[in-house]
Amino acid sequence: MINFKSVQNQLEKNFSNAHETANDAALAAAESGNIEDIRAFAQASQSVATATVVMGEGMRAHHGMTKAIIDGIQ
């Protein structure tokens, strides 16, 4: 069985890494204005969006499991 806490920790780590990468890419794109830096920022922004959706789904799954347990007890 999968330990939900370890999955949640991994999702949070990926979310933080995506934000750090996007921040670094934004600074690089702002300083240089180079097209490669702008593309890197766009890709990092997409990674942040994906990480945000995955975090939301993780929270939804956690809520669903908690609700199922509570409903099972009642």
PDB file of N, CA and C in Angstrom:
ATOM      1  N   MET A   1       0.838  -1.181   0.000  1.00  0.00           N
ATOM      2  CA  MET A   1       0.000   0.000   0.000  1.00  0.00           C
ATOM      3  C   MET A   1       0.886   1.250   0.000  1.00  0.00           C
ATOM      4  N   ILE A   2       0.446   2.250  -0.718  1.00  0.00           N
ATOM      5  CA  ILE A   2       1.207   3.491  -0.835  1.00  0.00           C
ATOM      6  C   ILE A   2       0.990   4.340   0.420  1.00  0.00           C
ATOM      7  N   ASN A   3       2.075   4.860   0.941  1.00  0.00           N
ATOM      8  CA  ASN A   3       2.000   5.760   2.085  1.00  0.00           C
ATOM      9  C   ASN A   3       1.654   7.151   1.560  1.00  0.00           C
ATOM     10  N   PHE A   4       0.470   7.635   1.906  1.00  0.00           N
ATOM     11  CA  PHE A   4       0.013   8.913   1.366  1.00  0.00           C
ATOM     12  C   PHE A   4       0.904  10.064   1.805  1.00  0.00           C
ATOM     13  N   LYS A   5       1.433   9.998   3.016  1.00  0.00           N
ATOM     14  CA  LYS A   5       2.284  11.086   3.515  1.00  0.00           C
ATOM     15  C   LYS A   5       3.544  11.235   2.655  1.00  0.00           C
ATOM     16  N   SER A   6       4.133  10.123   2.241  1.00  0.00           N
ATOM     17  CA  SER A   6       5.331  10.212   1.400  1.00  0.00           C
ATOM     18  C   SER A   6       4.988  10.769   0.020  1.00  0.00           C
ATOM     19  N   VAL A   7       3.826  10.406  -0.506  1.00  0.00           N
ATOM     20  CA  VAL A   7       3.391  10.960  -1.791  1.00  0.00           C
ATOM     21  C   VAL A   7       3.161  12.461  -1.653  1.00  0.00           C
ATOM     22  N   GLN A   8       2.515  12.863  -0.568  1.00  0.00           N
ATOM     23  CA  GLN A   8       2.257  14.278  -0.330  1.00  0.00           C
ATOM     24  C   GLN A   8       3.568  15.059  -0.191  1.00  0.00           C
ATOM     25  N   ASN A   9       4.533  14.502   0.515  1.00  0.00           N
ATOM     26  CA  ASN A   9       5.834  15.166   0.660  1.00  0.00           C
ATOM     27  C   ASN A   9       6.522  15.325  -0.689  1.00  0.00           C
ATOM     28  N   GLN A  10       6.438  14.306  -1.534  1.00  0.00           N
ATOM     29  CA  GLN A  10       7.049  14.379  -2.864  1.00  0.00           C
ATOM     30  C   GLN A  10       6.356  15.440  -3.721  1.00  0.00           C
ATOM     31  N   LEU A  11       5.028  15.503  -3.646  1.00  0.00           N
ATOM     32  CA  LEU A  11       4.290  16.525  -4.393  1.00  0.00           C
ATOM     33  C   LEU A  11       4.680  17.927  -3.937  1.00  0.00           C
ATOM     34  N   GLU A  12       4.804  18.119  -2.635  1.00  0.00           N
ATOM     35  CA  GLU A  12       5.201  19.427  -2.107  1.00  0.00           C
ATOM     36  C   GLU A  12       6.617  19.793  -2.539  1.00  0.00           C
ATOM     37  N   LYS A  13       7.498  18.805  -2.552  1.00  0.00           N
ATOM     38  CA  LYS A  13       8.877  19.043  -2.986  1.00  0.00           C
ATOM     39  C   LYS A  13       8.907  19.435  -4.466  1.00  0.00           C
ATOM     40  N   ASN A  14       8.159  18.710  -5.295  1.00  0.00           N
ATOM     41  CA  ASN A  14       8.101  19.037  -6.722  1.00  0.00           C
ATOM     42  C   ASN A  14       7.494  20.418  -6.949  1.00  0.00           C
ATOM     43  N   PHE A  15       6.478  20.759  -6.170  1.00  0.00           N
ATOM     44  CA  PHE A  15       5.825  22.060  -6.268  1.00  0.00           C
ATOM     45  C   PHE A  15       6.818  23.178  -5.937  1.00  0.00           C
ATOM     46  N   SER A  16       7.563  23.009  -4.857  1.00  0.00           N
ATOM     47  CA  SER A  16       8.562  24.008  -4.460  1.00  0.00           C
ATOM     48  C   SER A  16       9.664  24.140  -5.501  1.00  0.00           C
ATOM     49  N   ASN A  17      10.129  23.004  -6.021  1.00  0.00           N
ATOM     50  CA  ASN A  17      11.172  23.037  -7.047  1.00  0.00           C
ATOM     51  C   ASN A  17      10.686  23.742  -8.310  1.00  0.00           C
ATOM     52  N   ALA A  18       9.442  23.502  -8.696  1.00  0.00           N
ATOM     53  CA  ALA A  18       8.889  24.152  -9.887  1.00  0.00           C
ATOM     54  C   ALA A  18       8.839  25.662  -9.692  1.00  0.00           C
ATOM     55  N   HIS A  19       8.456  26.105  -8.509  1.00  0.00           N
ATOM     56  CA  HIS A  19       8.404  27.545  -8.233  1.00  0.00           C
ATOM     57  C   HIS A  19       9.797  28.160  -8.221  1.00  0.00           C
ATOM     58  N   GLU A  20      10.756  27.482  -7.627  1.00  0.00           N
ATOM     59  CA  GLU A  20      12.128  28.005  -7.610  1.00  0.00           C
ATOM     60  C   GLU A  20      12.686  28.113  -9.026  1.00  0.00           C
ATOM     61  N   THR A  21      12.437  27.097  -9.835  1.00  0.00           N
ATOM     62  CA  THR A  21      12.902  27.110 -11.223  1.00  0.00           C
ATOM     63  C   THR A  21      12.255  28.250 -11.998  1.00  0.00           C
ATOM     64  N   ALA A  22      10.958  28.452 -11.789  1.00  0.00           N
ATOM     65  CA  ALA A  22      10.255  29.536 -12.478  1.00  0.00           C
ATOM     66  C   ALA A  22      10.784  30.897 -12.039  1.00  0.00           C
ATOM     67  N   ASN A  23      11.055  31.059 -10.760  1.00  0.00           N
ATOM     68  CA  ASN A  23      11.605  32.331 -10.276  1.00  0.00           C
ATOM     69  C   ASN A  23      12.976  32.604 -10.876  1.00  0.00           C
ATOM     70  N   ASP A  24      13.822  31.578 -10.911  1.00  0.00           N
ATOM     71  CA  ASP A  24      15.153  31.736 -11.509  1.00  0.00           C
ATOM     72  C   ASP A  24      15.049  32.066 -12.996  1.00  0.00           C
ATOM     73  N   ALA A  25      14.142  31.383 -13.689  1.00  0.00           N
ATOM     74  CA  ALA A  25      13.963  31.628 -15.122  1.00  0.00           C
ATOM     75  C   ALA A  25      13.417  33.029 -15.370  1.00  0.00           C
ATOM     76  N   ALA A  26      12.527  33.495 -14.504  1.00  0.00           N
ATOM     77  CA  ALA A  26      11.976  34.846 -14.657  1.00  0.00           C
ATOM     78  C   ALA A  26      13.067  35.894 -14.492  1.00  0.00           C
ATOM     79  N   LEU A  27      13.926  35.705 -13.506  1.00  0.00           N
ATOM     80  CA  LEU A  27      15.024  36.654 -13.306  1.00  0.00           C
ATOM     81  C   LEU A  27      15.983  36.644 -14.489  1.00  0.00           C
ATOM     82  N   ALA A  28      16.302  35.457 -14.983  1.00  0.00           N
ATOM     83  CA  ALA A  28      17.215  35.357 -16.123  1.00  0.00           C
ATOM     84  C   ALA A  28      16.606  36.007 -17.362  1.00  0.00           C
ATOM     85  N   ALA A  29      15.317  35.782 -17.594  1.00  0.00           N
ATOM     86  CA  ALA A  29      14.657  36.370 -18.764  1.00  0.00           C
ATOM     87  C   ALA A  29      14.565  37.886 -18.641  1.00  0.00           C
ATOM     88  N   ALA A  30      14.327  38.376 -17.433  1.00  0.00           N
ATOM     89  CA  ALA A  30      14.222  39.822 -17.233  1.00  0.00           C
ATOM     90  C   ALA A  30      15.566  40.511 -17.418  1.00  0.00           C
ATOM     91  N   GLU A  31      16.635  39.845 -17.001  1.00  0.00           N
ATOM     92  CA  GLU A  31      17.962  40.455 -17.100  1.00  0.00           C
ATOM     93  C   GLU A  31      18.508  40.433 -18.523  1.00  0.00           C
ATOM     94  N   SER A  32      18.296  39.315 -19.230  1.00  0.00           N
ATOM     95  CA  SER A  32      18.942  39.182 -20.532  1.00  0.00           C
ATOM     96  C   SER A  32      18.022  39.527 -21.698  1.00  0.00           C
ATOM     97  N   GLY A  33      16.751  39.182 -21.587  1.00  0.00           N
ATOM     98  CA  GLY A  33      15.844  39.393 -22.714  1.00  0.00           C
ATOM     99  C   GLY A  33      16.104  38.437 -23.859  1.00  0.00           C
ATOM    100  N   ASN A  34      16.940  37.441 -23.619  1.00  0.00           N
ATOM    101  CA  ASN A  34      17.291  36.449 -24.632  1.00  0.00           C
ATOM    102  C   ASN A  34      16.099  35.525 -24.877  1.00  0.00           C
ATOM    103  N   ILE A  35      15.887  35.130 -26.121  1.00  0.00           N
ATOM    104  CA  ILE A  35      14.740  34.293 -26.473  1.00  0.00           C
ATOM    105  C   ILE A  35      14.796  32.930 -25.778  1.00  0.00           C
ATOM    106  N   GLU A  36      15.995  32.377 -25.594  1.00  0.00           N
ATOM    107  CA  GLU A  36      16.108  31.094 -24.893  1.00  0.00           C
ATOM    108  C   GLU A  36      15.686  31.221 -23.433  1.00  0.00           C
ATOM    109  N   ASP A  37      16.037  32.342 -22.816  1.00  0.00           N
ATOM    110  CA  ASP A  37      15.631  32.573 -21.427  1.00  0.00           C
ATOM    111  C   ASP A  37      14.120  32.756 -21.318  1.00  0.00           C
ATOM    112  N   ILE A  38      13.540  33.416 -22.301  1.00  0.00           N
ATOM    113  CA  ILE A  38      12.090  33.602 -22.303  1.00  0.00           C
ATOM    114  C   ILE A  38      11.387  32.261 -22.505  1.00  0.00           C
ATOM    115  N   ARG A  39      11.924  31.426 -23.381  1.00  0.00           N
ATOM    116  CA  ARG A  39      11.353  30.086 -23.578  1.00  0.00           C
ATOM    117  C   ARG A  39      11.503  29.239 -22.318  1.00  0.00           C
ATOM    118  N   ALA A  40      12.637  29.360 -21.647  1.00  0.00           N
ATOM    119  CA  ALA A  40      12.841  28.617 -20.396  1.00  0.00           C
ATOM    120  C   ALA A  40      11.830  29.067 -19.349  1.00  0.00           C
ATOM    121  N   PHE A  41      11.546  30.369 -19.312  1.00  0.00           N
ATOM    122  CA  PHE A  41      10.539  30.867 -18.377  1.00  0.00           C
ATOM    123  C   PHE A  41       9.153  30.333 -18.727  1.00  0.00           C
ATOM    124  N   ALA A  42       8.825  30.310 -20.009  1.00  0.00           N
ATOM    125  CA  ALA A  42       7.518  29.786 -20.424  1.00  0.00           C
ATOM    126  C   ALA A  42       7.383  28.314 -20.042  1.00  0.00           C
ATOM    127  N   GLN A  43       8.447  27.554 -20.243  1.00  0.00           N
ATOM    128  CA  GLN A  43       8.425  26.139 -19.875  1.00  0.00           C
ATOM    129  C   GLN A  43       8.323  25.978 -18.354  1.00  0.00           C
ATOM    130  N   ALA A  44       9.034  26.790 -17.610  1.00  0.00           N
ATOM    131  CA  ALA A  44       8.966  26.726 -16.149  1.00  0.00           C
ATOM    132  C   ALA A  44       7.577  27.120 -15.655  1.00  0.00           C
ATOM    133  N   SER A  45       6.964  28.088 -16.314  1.00  0.00           N
ATOM    134  CA  SER A  45       5.600  28.483 -15.944  1.00  0.00           C
ATOM    135  C   SER A  45       4.624  27.341 -16.179  1.00  0.00           C
ATOM    136  N   GLN A  46       4.819  26.609 -17.266  1.00  0.00           N
ATOM    137  CA  GLN A  46       3.972  25.447 -17.538  1.00  0.00           C
ATOM    138  C   GLN A  46       4.185  24.371 -16.479  1.00  0.00           C
ATOM    139  N   SER A  47       5.417  24.202 -16.037  1.00  0.00           N
ATOM    140  CA  SER A  47       5.700  23.230 -14.975  1.00  0.00           C
ATOM    141  C   SER A  47       5.023  23.628 -13.667  1.00  0.00           C
ATOM    142  N   VAL A  48       4.998  24.921 -13.370  1.00  0.00           N
ATOM    143  CA  VAL A  48       4.315  25.394 -12.167  1.00  0.00           C
ATOM    144  C   VAL A  48       2.819  25.120 -12.278  1.00  0.00           C
ATOM    145  N   ALA A  49       2.253  25.368 -13.448  1.00  0.00           N
ATOM    146  CA  ALA A  49       0.824  25.111 -13.640  1.00  0.00           C
ATOM    147  C   ALA A  49       0.511  23.631 -13.452  1.00  0.00           C
ATOM    148  N   THR A  50       1.357  22.776 -13.999  1.00  0.00           N
ATOM    149  CA  THR A  50       1.161  21.334 -13.847  1.00  0.00           C
ATOM    150  C   THR A  50       1.289  20.924 -12.388  1.00  0.00           C
ATOM    151  N   ALA A  51       2.294  21.443 -11.710  1.00  0.00           N
ATOM    152  CA  ALA A  51       2.486  21.113 -10.298  1.00  0.00           C
ATOM    153  C   ALA A  51       1.307  21.590  -9.456  1.00  0.00           C
ATOM    154  N   THR A  52       0.736  22.729  -9.812  1.00  0.00           N
ATOM    155  CA  THR A  52      -0.420  23.249  -9.088  1.00  0.00           C
ATOM    156  C   THR A  52      -1.625  22.328  -9.250  1.00  0.00           C
ATOM    157  N   VAL A  53      -1.854  21.861 -10.469  1.00  0.00           N
ATOM    158  CA  VAL A  53      -2.968  20.941 -10.718  1.00  0.00           C
ATOM    159  C   VAL A  53      -2.755  19.637  -9.963  1.00  0.00           C
ATOM    160  N   VAL A  54      -1.541  19.124  -9.993  1.00  0.00           N
ATOM    161  CA  VAL A  54      -1.243  17.865  -9.301  1.00  0.00           C
ATOM    162  C   VAL A  54      -1.429  18.024  -7.795  1.00  0.00           C
ATOM    163  N   MET A  55      -0.989  19.151  -7.238  1.00  0.00           N
ATOM    164  CA  MET A  55      -1.192  19.391  -5.804  1.00  0.00           C
ATOM    165  C   MET A  55      -2.681  19.440  -5.471  1.00  0.00           C
ATOM    166  N   GLY A  56      -3.457  20.088  -6.315  1.00  0.00           N
ATOM    167  CA  GLY A  56      -4.901  20.154  -6.098  1.00  0.00           C
ATOM    168  C   GLY A  56      -5.543  18.780  -6.129  1.00  0.00           C
ATOM    169  N   GLU A  57      -5.116  17.951  -7.070  1.00  0.00           N
ATOM    170  CA  GLU A  57      -5.648  16.589  -7.152  1.00  0.00           C
ATOM    171  C   GLU A  57      -5.224  15.763  -5.941  1.00  0.00           C
ATOM    172  N   GLY A  58      -4.016  15.997  -5.454  1.00  0.00           N
ATOM    173  CA  GLY A  58      -3.557  15.295  -4.255  1.00  0.00           C
ATOM    174  C   GLY A  58      -4.396  15.663  -3.042  1.00  0.00           C
ATOM    175  N   MET A  59      -4.705  16.948  -2.922  1.00  0.00           N
ATOM    176  CA  MET A  59      -5.550  17.379  -1.803  1.00  0.00           C
ATOM    177  C   MET A  59      -6.964  16.816  -1.938  1.00  0.00           C
ATOM    178  N   ARG A  60      -7.458  16.764  -3.174  1.00  0.00           N
ATOM    179  CA  ARG A  60      -8.792  16.213  -3.407  1.00  0.00           C
ATOM    180  C   ARG A  60      -8.831  14.735  -3.048  1.00  0.00           C
ATOM    181  N   ALA A  61      -7.791  13.997  -3.414  1.00  0.00           N
ATOM    182  CA  ALA A  61      -7.717  12.574  -3.079  1.00  0.00           C
ATOM    183  C   ALA A  61      -7.653  12.374  -1.569  1.00  0.00           C
ATOM    184  N   HIS A  62      -6.856  13.189  -0.905  1.00  0.00           N
ATOM    185  CA  HIS A  62      -6.749  13.096   0.556  1.00  0.00           C
ATOM    186  C   HIS A  62      -8.098  13.373   1.209  1.00  0.00           C
ATOM    187  N   HIS A  63      -8.781  14.385   0.736  1.00  0.00           N
ATOM    188  CA  HIS A  63     -10.099  14.718   1.275  1.00  0.00           C
ATOM    189  C   HIS A  63     -11.074  13.565   1.036  1.00  0.00           C
ATOM    190  N   GLY A  64     -11.028  12.980  -0.159  1.00  0.00           N
ATOM    191  CA  GLY A  64     -11.919  11.863  -0.471  1.00  0.00           C
ATOM    192  C   GLY A  64     -11.672  10.661   0.421  1.00  0.00           C
ATOM    193  N   MET A  65     -10.401  10.362   0.674  1.00  0.00           N
ATOM    194  CA  MET A  65     -10.084   9.232   1.554  1.00  0.00           C
ATOM    195  C   MET A  65     -10.532   9.516   2.982  1.00  0.00           C
ATOM    196  N   THR A  66     -10.294  10.730   3.449  1.00  0.00           N
ATOM    197  CA  THR A  66     -10.709  11.091   4.803  1.00  0.00           C
ATOM    198  C   THR A  66     -12.226  11.018   4.939  1.00  0.00           C
ATOM    199  N   LYS A  67     -12.934  11.515   3.936  1.00  0.00           N
ATOM    200  CA  LYS A  67     -14.398  11.478   3.962  1.00  0.00           C
ATOM    201  C   LYS A  67     -14.902  10.043   3.953  1.00  0.00           C
ATOM    202  N   ALA A  68     -14.275   9.180   3.159  1.00  0.00           N
ATOM    203  CA  ALA A  68     -14.687   7.777   3.104  1.00  0.00           C
ATOM    204  C   ALA A  68     -14.487   7.095   4.457  1.00  0.00           C
ATOM    205  N   ILE A  69     -13.402   7.416   5.127  1.00  0.00           N
ATOM    206  CA  ILE A  69     -13.143   6.833   6.452  1.00  0.00           C
ATOM    207  C   ILE A  69     -14.189   7.313   7.450  1.00  0.00           C
ATOM    208  N   ILE A  70     -14.464   8.607   7.442  1.00  0.00           N
ATOM    209  CA  ILE A  70     -15.463   9.153   8.373  1.00  0.00           C
ATOM    210  C   ILE A  70     -16.843   8.571   8.079  1.00  0.00           C
ATOM    211  N   ASP A  71     -17.201   8.487   6.801  1.00  0.00           N
ATOM    212  CA  ASP A  71     -18.494   7.905   6.437  1.00  0.00           C
ATOM    213  C   ASP A  71     -18.573   6.437   6.827  1.00  0.00           C
ATOM    214  N   GLY A  72     -17.456   5.733   6.737  1.00  0.00           N
ATOM    215  CA  GLY A  72     -17.422   4.326   7.122  1.00  0.00           C
ATOM    216  C   GLY A  72     -17.607   4.126   8.610  1.00  0.00           C
ATOM    217  N   ILE A  73     -17.127   5.069   9.392  1.00  0.00           N
ATOM    218  CA  ILE A  73     -17.270   4.981  10.848  1.00  0.00           C
ATOM    219  C   ILE A  73     -18.715   5.237  11.259  1.00  0.00           C
ATOM    220  N   GLN A  74     -19.366   6.148  10.562  1.00  0.00           N
ATOM    221  CA  GLN A  74     -20.748   6.489  10.905  1.00  0.00           C
ATOM    222  C   GLN A  74     -21.610   5.349  10.500  1.00  0.00           C
TER     223      GLN A  74
END
